[in-house]
């Protein structure tokens, strides 16, 4: 029996990780003035930046439908009569995609197991990678789903927002707050807590010192990391900044692997350019 690990396009894994583990992903939808695109298929973050600049509004993102999931799961299962699926999706607190996947899975009882990742971006990706390693070790789909569910609560996912315009246009801050943030060079820290995004602080200053202090603060607050993997995920920040923060994290000698990934168009649509996060599972590597 082969276990296929699945997620949606917002899990923000690197291409080599997806290929190495045979991970499947289903794209979310992005709408630009009535034109519909599929994340990672026919739209790029650069197109989103241009759209926001030209239209002074954010793209509209939409969930994957139940019918999409039903077809998607069905096609994977048809590939081999012994295939089973563990699907780990975008938080149910942020999207109806999870609920739609659960309903679709009911058509394939005992063969499709859906887990609420209660996260976004590579916070979900951490759980997907854990599931993929378990699949390689020969665990059943049912057991993998149970093990992943136990680790969901320990995912540390947070981001520093470099440009607050997207928060303003998304209704998450007022025009006055945006003006104040720009004047004071505030870079809000967003933390994912219980599957939803919350303000975790308001650091201020130039972006590189802010990011380094953010790394220190996160590692101090969430001080029991699983050393297996740490993601540094960003939305088109300058490559040299991403590399500098990667080296800064590596110098801590905590993680076996520090992986840089670029945020999908779905995530970019809500956070804007230059956002960067450090994400890891904060349970010391304890899996049960």
Protein backbone atom coordinates (compact mmCIF):
# COMPACT_ATOMS: atom_id res chain seq x y z
CA UNK A 1 0.00 0.00 0.00
CA UNK A 2 1.42 3.37 -1.04
CA UNK A 3 0.67 6.45 1.06
CA UNK A 4 0.50 9.71 -0.91
CA UNK A 5 1.10 12.88 1.09
CA UNK A 6 -0.92 15.85 -0.11
CA UNK A 7 -1.46 19.53 0.65
CA UNK A 8 -2.64 22.71 -1.03
CA UNK A 9 -0.47 25.21 -2.87
CA UNK A 10 -0.08 27.47 0.18
CA UNK A 11 2.18 24.99 2.03
CA UNK A 12 5.18 26.76 0.44
CA UNK A 13 7.51 23.79 0.13
CA UNK A 14 10.52 23.95 -2.17
CA UNK A 15 10.33 22.18 -5.52
CA UNK A 16 13.08 19.72 -4.58
CA UNK A 17 11.20 18.68 -1.44
CA UNK A 18 7.99 18.08 -3.38
CA UNK A 19 9.82 16.02 -6.00
CA UNK A 20 11.92 13.98 -3.56
CA UNK A 21 8.93 12.84 -1.52
CA UNK A 22 6.35 12.71 -4.29
CA UNK A 23 4.15 15.22 -2.48
CA UNK A 24 0.99 16.28 -4.32
CA UNK A 25 -0.49 19.77 -4.10
CA UNK A 26 -3.75 21.29 -5.30
CA UNK A 27 -3.79 25.01 -6.23
CA UNK A 28 -5.98 27.59 -4.54
CA UNK A 29 -7.72 30.25 -6.62
CA UNK A 30 -6.71 33.89 -7.05
CA UNK A 31 -8.98 36.47 -8.69
CA UNK A 32 -7.70 39.68 -10.27
CA UNK A 33 -10.59 41.92 -11.34
CA UNK A 34 -12.68 38.97 -12.47
CA UNK A 35 -9.84 36.99 -14.05
CA UNK A 36 -9.33 33.71 -12.23
CA UNK A 37 -5.91 32.13 -11.78
CA UNK A 38 -4.58 29.03 -10.05
CA UNK A 39 -1.82 29.45 -7.52
CA UNK A 40 1.52 28.21 -8.80
CA UNK A 41 0.08 27.37 -12.22
CA UNK A 42 -0.56 30.57 -14.16
CA UNK A 43 0.19 33.41 -11.74
CA UNK A 44 3.31 34.68 -9.98
CA UNK A 45 3.89 36.97 -6.98
CA UNK A 46 5.28 39.58 -9.38
CA UNK A 47 1.92 39.74 -11.14
CA UNK A 48 0.25 40.27 -7.78
CA UNK A 49 2.59 43.11 -6.84
CA UNK A 50 1.86 44.80 -10.18
CA UNK A 51 -1.90 44.32 -9.71
CA UNK A 52 -1.93 45.87 -6.23
CA UNK A 53 0.22 48.79 -7.37
CA UNK A 54 -1.99 49.46 -10.38
CA UNK A 55 -5.40 48.87 -8.79
CA UNK A 56 -4.83 49.92 -5.18
CA UNK A 57 -6.57 46.81 -3.90
CA UNK A 58 -5.68 43.24 -3.03
CA UNK A 59 -6.42 40.17 -5.14
CA UNK A 60 -9.25 37.96 -3.96
CA UNK A 61 -8.26 34.45 -2.93
CA UNK A 62 -10.74 31.60 -2.73
CA UNK A 63 -10.84 28.11 -1.31
CA UNK A 64 -10.55 24.85 -3.18
CA UNK A 65 -14.06 23.52 -3.71
CA UNK A 66 -15.44 20.18 -2.56
CA UNK A 67 -15.83 19.09 -6.18
CA UNK A 68 -12.20 20.00 -6.88
CA UNK A 69 -11.07 17.84 -3.98
CA UNK A 70 -13.36 14.98 -4.94
CA UNK A 71 -11.86 14.87 -8.43
CA UNK A 72 -8.31 15.38 -7.14
CA UNK A 73 -8.51 12.59 -4.55
CA UNK A 74 -10.25 10.30 -7.01
CA UNK A 75 -7.55 10.71 -9.65
CA UNK A 76 -4.79 9.86 -7.17
CA UNK A 77 -6.62 6.78 -5.94
CA UNK A 78 -7.25 5.59 -9.49
CA UNK A 79 -3.50 5.51 -10.13
CA UNK A 80 -3.25 2.39 -7.95
CA UNK A 81 -5.94 0.42 -6.16
CA UNK A 82 -3.76 0.34 -3.04
CA UNK A 83 -3.08 4.08 -2.87
CA UNK A 84 -4.15 5.97 0.25
CA UNK A 85 -3.87 9.70 0.93
CA UNK A 86 -3.01 11.90 3.90
CA UNK A 87 -4.00 15.47 3.07
CA UNK A 88 -2.75 18.28 5.35
CA UNK A 89 -4.41 21.57 4.54
CA UNK A 90 -4.49 25.28 5.23
CA UNK A 91 -5.97 26.11 8.64
CA UNK A 92 -9.73 25.78 8.95
CA UNK A 93 -9.58 29.15 10.73
CA UNK A 94 -8.30 30.81 7.58
CA UNK A 95 -10.05 28.99 4.74
CA UNK A 96 -12.99 26.68 4.01
CA UNK A 97 -10.64 24.47 1.98
CA UNK A 98 -10.20 22.13 4.95
CA UNK A 99 -13.94 21.61 5.39
CA UNK A 100 -14.34 21.03 1.67
CA UNK A 101 -11.55 18.45 1.73
CA UNK A 102 -13.20 16.65 4.66
CA UNK A 103 -16.50 16.42 2.79
CA UNK A 104 -14.76 15.18 -0.36
CA UNK A 105 -12.88 12.54 1.63
CA UNK A 106 -16.19 11.06 2.76
CA UNK A 107 -16.50 9.66 -0.76
CA UNK A 108 -13.36 7.59 -0.15
CA UNK A 109 -13.81 6.27 3.37
CA UNK A 110 -10.72 4.52 4.73
CA UNK A 111 -8.52 5.74 1.88
CA UNK A 112 -8.31 9.52 2.40
CA UNK A 113 -7.41 11.08 5.76
CA UNK A 114 -7.63 14.87 6.12
CA UNK A 115 -5.71 16.79 8.80
CA UNK A 116 -6.36 20.41 9.79
CA UNK A 117 -2.86 21.87 9.79
CA UNK A 118 -4.15 24.90 11.74
CA UNK A 119 -1.45 26.89 10.04
CA UNK A 120 -0.40 28.47 6.78
CA UNK A 121 2.61 28.66 4.48
CA UNK A 122 5.55 26.49 5.50
CA UNK A 123 3.98 26.09 8.94
CA UNK A 124 1.75 23.64 7.12
CA UNK A 125 4.80 22.57 5.11
CA UNK A 126 6.56 21.39 8.27
CA UNK A 127 3.71 18.98 8.95
CA UNK A 128 3.67 17.85 5.33
CA UNK A 129 7.40 17.08 5.46
CA UNK A 130 6.95 15.16 8.72
CA UNK A 131 4.17 13.12 7.14
CA UNK A 132 6.32 12.47 4.07
CA UNK A 133 9.15 11.11 6.22
CA UNK A 134 6.70 8.83 8.03
CA UNK A 135 5.37 7.56 4.71
CA UNK A 136 8.91 6.65 3.66
CA UNK A 137 9.29 4.74 6.91
CA UNK A 138 6.28 2.63 6.02
CA UNK A 139 3.59 3.94 8.36
CA UNK A 140 -0.03 3.57 7.28
CA UNK A 141 -2.09 6.59 6.22
CA UNK A 142 -4.26 6.31 9.34
CA UNK A 143 -1.24 6.23 11.66
CA UNK A 144 0.44 9.11 9.84
CA UNK A 145 -2.67 11.26 10.19
CA UNK A 146 -2.81 10.55 13.93
CA UNK A 147 0.87 11.35 14.43
CA UNK A 148 0.61 14.60 12.45
CA UNK A 149 -2.47 15.70 14.41
CA UNK A 150 -0.50 15.35 17.65
CA UNK A 151 2.19 17.74 16.42
CA UNK A 152 -0.07 20.43 14.96
CA UNK A 153 -0.20 22.38 18.22
CA UNK A 154 3.59 22.68 18.39
CA UNK A 155 4.20 24.44 15.07
CA UNK A 156 5.86 27.81 15.61
CA UNK A 157 4.87 30.01 12.68
CA UNK A 158 5.45 33.75 12.65
CA UNK A 159 6.40 36.48 10.20
CA UNK A 160 7.79 39.98 10.08
CA UNK A 161 5.81 42.22 7.71
CA UNK A 162 8.08 44.72 5.97
CA UNK A 163 5.34 46.66 4.15
CA UNK A 164 2.07 47.35 5.98
CA UNK A 165 0.12 48.41 2.87
CA UNK A 166 -1.29 44.91 2.40
CA UNK A 167 -2.47 44.81 6.03
CA UNK A 168 -4.25 48.12 5.45
CA UNK A 169 -5.84 47.08 2.17
CA UNK A 170 -6.88 43.78 3.73
CA UNK A 171 -8.67 45.63 6.53
CA UNK A 172 -6.24 44.53 9.23
CA UNK A 173 -5.05 48.04 10.15
CA UNK A 174 -6.36 51.59 9.76
CA UNK A 175 -4.96 54.29 7.50
CA UNK A 176 -3.70 56.09 10.61
CA UNK A 177 -1.95 52.97 11.86
CA UNK A 178 -0.39 52.44 8.44
CA UNK A 179 0.87 56.03 8.40
CA UNK A 180 2.30 55.66 11.89
CA UNK A 181 3.97 52.37 11.01
CA UNK A 182 5.62 53.92 7.97
CA UNK A 183 6.84 56.97 9.88
CA UNK A 184 8.14 54.94 12.83
CA UNK A 185 9.49 52.14 10.60
CA UNK A 186 7.38 49.57 12.43
CA UNK A 187 7.60 46.01 11.09
CA UNK A 188 4.67 44.10 12.63
CA UNK A 189 5.24 40.54 13.80
CA UNK A 190 2.37 38.22 12.94
CA UNK A 191 2.04 35.00 14.93
CA UNK A 192 -0.19 32.06 14.03
CA UNK A 193 -2.02 31.01 17.20
CA UNK A 194 -4.66 28.26 17.25
CA UNK A 195 -5.00 28.44 13.50
CA UNK A 196 -5.52 32.20 13.18
CA UNK A 197 -3.18 35.17 12.72
CA UNK A 198 -2.55 37.55 15.62
CA UNK A 199 -0.30 40.53 16.20
CA UNK A 200 2.76 39.33 18.08
CA UNK A 201 4.68 42.58 18.41
CA UNK A 202 5.68 45.84 16.74
CA UNK A 203 9.45 45.89 16.26
CA UNK A 204 10.84 48.98 14.55
CA UNK A 205 13.95 49.91 12.64
CA UNK A 206 15.82 48.77 9.57
CA UNK A 207 14.77 45.40 8.24
CA UNK A 208 17.93 43.31 8.78
CA UNK A 209 18.45 44.25 12.47
CA UNK A 210 14.71 43.77 13.04
CA UNK A 211 14.85 40.31 11.48
CA UNK A 212 17.86 39.25 13.53
CA UNK A 213 16.22 40.43 16.75
CA UNK A 214 13.06 38.61 15.67
CA UNK A 215 15.05 35.38 15.27
CA UNK A 216 16.52 35.81 18.74
CA UNK A 217 13.12 36.58 20.28
CA UNK A 218 11.39 33.61 18.63
CA UNK A 219 14.09 31.12 19.63
CA UNK A 220 13.99 32.44 23.19
CA UNK A 221 10.21 32.25 23.42
CA UNK A 222 9.84 28.94 21.58
CA UNK A 223 12.91 27.30 23.04
CA UNK A 224 12.29 23.59 22.46
CA UNK A 225 12.70 23.25 18.68
CA UNK A 226 12.73 20.02 16.76
CA UNK A 227 16.24 20.18 15.25
CA UNK A 228 15.19 18.31 12.10
CA UNK A 229 14.09 21.28 9.98
CA UNK A 230 13.62 25.04 10.08
CA UNK A 231 12.04 27.04 7.28
CA UNK A 232 12.86 30.59 6.37
CA UNK A 233 10.01 31.55 4.11
CA UNK A 234 9.72 34.93 2.45
CA UNK A 235 7.65 36.81 -0.09
CA UNK A 236 10.20 38.01 -2.62
CA UNK A 237 12.50 39.70 -0.13
CA UNK A 238 15.94 40.60 -1.46
CA UNK A 239 17.92 37.34 -1.90
CA UNK A 240 20.89 38.67 0.03
CA UNK A 241 18.67 39.41 3.06
CA UNK A 242 17.17 35.92 3.00
CA UNK A 243 20.65 34.43 2.79
CA UNK A 244 21.92 36.60 5.65
CA UNK A 245 19.06 35.51 7.91
CA UNK A 246 19.60 31.88 6.91
CA UNK A 247 23.26 32.11 7.93
CA UNK A 248 22.24 33.85 11.17
CA UNK A 249 19.91 30.97 12.05
CA UNK A 250 22.47 28.34 10.99
CA UNK A 251 25.06 29.97 13.26
CA UNK A 252 22.85 29.09 16.23
CA UNK A 253 23.76 25.40 15.59
CA UNK A 254 20.25 24.26 16.47
CA UNK A 255 18.86 22.83 13.23
CA UNK A 256 20.15 20.07 10.98
CA UNK A 257 18.64 21.86 7.99
CA UNK A 258 17.62 25.48 7.45
CA UNK A 259 15.61 25.67 4.24
CA UNK A 260 14.75 28.90 2.40
CA UNK A 261 11.46 28.86 0.48
CA UNK A 262 9.47 31.52 -1.35
CA UNK A 263 5.85 32.16 -0.43
CA UNK A 264 3.13 31.15 -2.86
CA UNK A 265 0.91 33.65 -4.66
CA UNK A 266 -1.88 32.93 -2.15
CA UNK A 267 0.26 33.86 0.84
CA UNK A 268 1.80 36.81 -1.01
CA UNK A 269 -1.68 38.17 -1.76
CA UNK A 270 -2.19 38.79 1.95
CA UNK A 271 1.25 39.72 3.27
CA UNK A 272 2.88 41.73 0.48
CA UNK A 273 6.46 41.95 -0.64
CA UNK A 274 9.36 41.53 1.75
CA UNK A 275 7.67 39.48 4.47
CA UNK A 276 9.93 36.89 6.12
CA UNK A 277 9.21 34.20 8.67
CA UNK A 278 11.12 31.60 10.67
CA UNK A 279 9.12 28.42 11.21
CA UNK A 280 9.79 25.16 13.04
CA UNK A 281 8.08 22.56 15.21
CA UNK A 282 8.62 23.41 18.87
CA UNK A 283 8.39 20.03 20.57
CA UNK A 284 12.02 19.00 20.82
CA UNK A 285 11.54 16.37 18.17
CA UNK A 286 9.20 14.35 20.33
CA UNK A 287 6.72 12.75 17.96
CA UNK A 288 4.28 11.00 20.27
